[in-house]
Amino acid sequence: MALSEVDECFEKGLLKRITKSKSLALQDMNQAEFFLNEAFDLINIKKKEMASIAMYNAIFHAARALLYFDGIKEKSHYCLQKYIEEKYEKKGLLNSDDLSLFDLLRGIRQEVQYNVTRVKFEHNLAELYDRTEKAIGKIKRIIV
């Protein structure tokens, strides 16, 4: 029988079981909120690329907070997303829009951060911000 993507992540050491920690989860949620506030400020001064990186950092820290809450440490953003899909989307605690946002922001961040030329930015930042804020709110309610 084939392993799930999440099982493969554990097998490769990209996800690892640790002691559950609500404290670490809450600290990471604080980081998520910090980056969300940074994104808001960056949007207002029209720093679109940096705002998109801050939004990704916000959703990443919120998602990672769920892992700490569950007693999981990640070494792969991809595996983090797969774990969230398997554990939280299938239970209906997060939806496909939340997970597609994580994937979209991860892709934007990679394009902005790793491209050797300036990226033409065509995303609606206000919409991305609203979606990010809502997803982080859902995650916070799960943890708190």
Protein backbone atom coordinates (compact mmCIF):
# COMPACT_ATOMS: atom_id res chain seq x y z
CA MET A 1 0.00 0.00 0.00
CA ALA A 2 1.34 3.41 -0.97
CA LEU A 3 2.10 5.96 1.72
CA SER A 4 0.17 9.22 1.85
CA GLU A 5 2.13 12.38 1.13
CA VAL A 6 2.04 13.20 4.84
CA ASP A 7 3.33 9.74 5.77
CA GLU A 8 6.15 10.23 3.26
CA CYS A 9 6.96 13.58 4.89
CA PHE A 10 7.26 11.86 8.27
CA GLU A 11 9.32 9.04 6.77
CA LYS A 12 11.74 11.54 5.17
CA GLY A 13 12.05 13.52 8.42
CA LEU A 14 10.37 16.60 6.94
CA LEU A 15 7.68 16.30 9.60
CA LYS A 16 8.62 15.08 13.06
CA ARG A 17 6.57 14.32 16.17
CA ILE A 18 7.42 16.47 19.20
CA THR A 19 5.68 17.25 22.47
CA LYS A 20 2.41 19.11 21.92
CA SER A 21 2.77 22.76 22.88
CA LYS A 22 -0.09 25.20 23.09
CA SER A 23 2.47 27.76 24.30
CA LEU A 24 4.56 27.47 21.11
CA ALA A 25 1.38 27.49 19.05
CA LEU A 26 0.28 30.76 20.65
CA GLN A 27 3.75 32.28 20.18
CA ASP A 28 3.62 31.37 16.49
CA MET A 29 0.12 32.88 16.26
CA ASN A 30 1.62 36.11 17.63
CA GLN A 31 4.20 35.94 14.82
CA ALA A 32 1.38 35.38 12.32
CA GLU A 33 -0.43 38.47 13.59
CA PHE A 34 2.80 40.49 13.54
CA PHE A 35 3.40 39.63 9.87
CA LEU A 36 -0.25 40.28 9.02
CA ASN A 37 0.08 43.78 10.52
CA GLU A 38 3.32 44.29 8.58
CA ALA A 39 1.54 43.26 5.38
CA PHE A 40 -1.21 45.82 6.08
CA ASP A 41 1.36 48.58 6.52
CA LEU A 42 3.28 47.52 3.40
CA ILE A 43 0.10 47.48 1.30
CA ASN A 44 -0.68 51.01 2.44
CA ILE A 45 2.71 52.27 1.27
CA LYS A 46 2.35 50.34 -2.01
CA LYS A 47 5.16 47.85 -1.35
CA LYS A 48 3.29 45.02 -3.07
CA GLU A 49 6.07 42.49 -3.31
CA MET A 50 7.13 42.86 0.31
CA ALA A 51 3.48 42.81 1.41
CA SER A 52 3.01 39.49 -0.36
CA ILE A 53 6.04 38.04 1.46
CA ALA A 54 4.68 39.32 4.78
CA MET A 55 1.28 37.75 4.03
CA TYR A 56 2.91 34.43 3.27
CA ASN A 57 4.90 34.65 6.50
CA ALA A 58 1.64 35.36 8.34
CA ILE A 59 -0.18 32.32 6.94
CA PHE A 60 2.94 30.15 7.34
CA HIS A 61 3.28 30.99 11.05
CA ALA A 62 -0.43 30.42 11.63
CA ALA A 63 -0.26 27.03 9.89
CA ARG A 64 2.88 26.09 11.80
CA ALA A 65 1.09 27.04 15.03
CA LEU A 66 -1.37 24.22 14.26
CA LEU A 67 1.53 21.81 13.97
CA TYR A 68 2.97 22.86 17.35
CA PHE A 69 -0.54 22.49 18.78
CA ASP A 70 -0.60 18.92 17.43
CA GLY A 71 2.98 18.14 18.45
CA ILE A 72 4.56 18.29 14.98
CA LYS A 73 7.68 20.10 13.81
CA GLU A 74 8.16 20.85 10.11
CA LYS A 75 11.18 21.16 7.87
CA SER A 76 9.22 21.67 4.66
CA HIS A 77 6.60 24.26 3.81
CA TYR A 78 5.10 21.80 1.32
CA CYS A 79 4.78 19.09 3.98
CA LEU A 80 3.27 21.60 6.39
CA GLN A 81 0.57 22.33 3.82
CA LYS A 82 -0.06 18.64 3.16
CA TYR A 83 -0.41 17.96 6.88
CA ILE A 84 -2.90 20.83 7.28
CA GLU A 85 -4.90 19.52 4.32
CA GLU A 86 -5.01 15.99 5.72
CA LYS A 87 -5.73 16.90 9.33
CA TYR A 88 -7.79 20.10 9.16
CA GLU A 89 -9.44 20.31 5.75
CA LYS A 90 -10.74 16.74 5.86
CA LYS A 91 -12.30 17.47 9.28
CA GLY A 92 -13.94 20.63 7.93
CA LEU A 93 -12.02 22.98 10.25
CA LEU A 94 -10.38 24.71 7.29
CA ASN A 95 -11.65 24.72 3.72
CA SER A 96 -10.15 24.40 0.28
CA ASP A 97 -10.09 28.20 -0.08
CA ASP A 98 -7.87 28.45 2.99
CA LEU A 99 -5.50 25.81 1.60
CA SER A 100 -5.46 27.28 -1.90
CA LEU A 101 -4.56 30.64 -0.31
CA PHE A 102 -1.57 29.06 1.44
CA ASP A 103 -0.45 27.52 -1.85
CA LEU A 104 -1.01 30.76 -3.80
CA LEU A 105 0.91 32.88 -1.29
CA ARG A 106 3.71 30.31 -1.17
CA GLY A 107 4.00 30.49 -4.95
CA ILE A 108 3.95 34.30 -4.99
CA ARG A 109 6.60 34.43 -2.26
CA GLN A 110 8.84 32.03 -4.16
CA GLU A 111 8.45 34.04 -7.35
CA VAL A 112 9.15 37.37 -5.64
CA GLN A 113 11.95 36.15 -3.41
CA TYR A 114 13.89 33.90 -5.78
CA ASN A 115 13.48 35.58 -9.16
CA VAL A 116 16.55 37.41 -10.45
CA THR A 117 14.40 40.03 -12.18
CA ARG A 118 11.55 42.11 -10.83
CA VAL A 119 8.27 40.23 -10.93
CA LYS A 120 5.23 41.82 -12.53
CA PHE A 121 2.75 41.77 -9.67
CA GLU A 122 -0.87 41.37 -10.74
CA HIS A 123 -2.64 40.08 -7.63
CA ASN A 124 -5.33 41.98 -5.77
CA LEU A 125 -3.59 42.65 -2.46
CA ALA A 126 -6.70 43.78 -0.62
CA GLU A 127 -8.44 40.52 -1.49
CA LEU A 128 -5.39 38.44 -0.54
CA TYR A 129 -5.11 40.34 2.74
CA ASP A 130 -8.78 39.77 3.60
CA ARG A 131 -8.50 36.05 2.83
CA THR A 132 -5.30 35.80 4.89
CA GLU A 133 -6.87 37.60 7.84
CA LYS A 134 -9.90 35.28 7.76
CA ALA A 135 -7.78 32.12 7.51
CA ILE A 136 -5.59 33.23 10.42
CA GLY A 137 -8.73 33.95 12.45
CA LYS A 138 -10.00 30.40 11.82
CA ILE A 139 -6.66 28.93 12.85
CA LYS A 140 -6.57 31.03 16.02
CA ARG A 141 -10.03 29.79 17.00
CA ILE A 142 -8.82 26.18 16.64
CA ILE A 143 -5.85 26.80 18.93
CA VAL A 144 -7.48 29.02 21.54
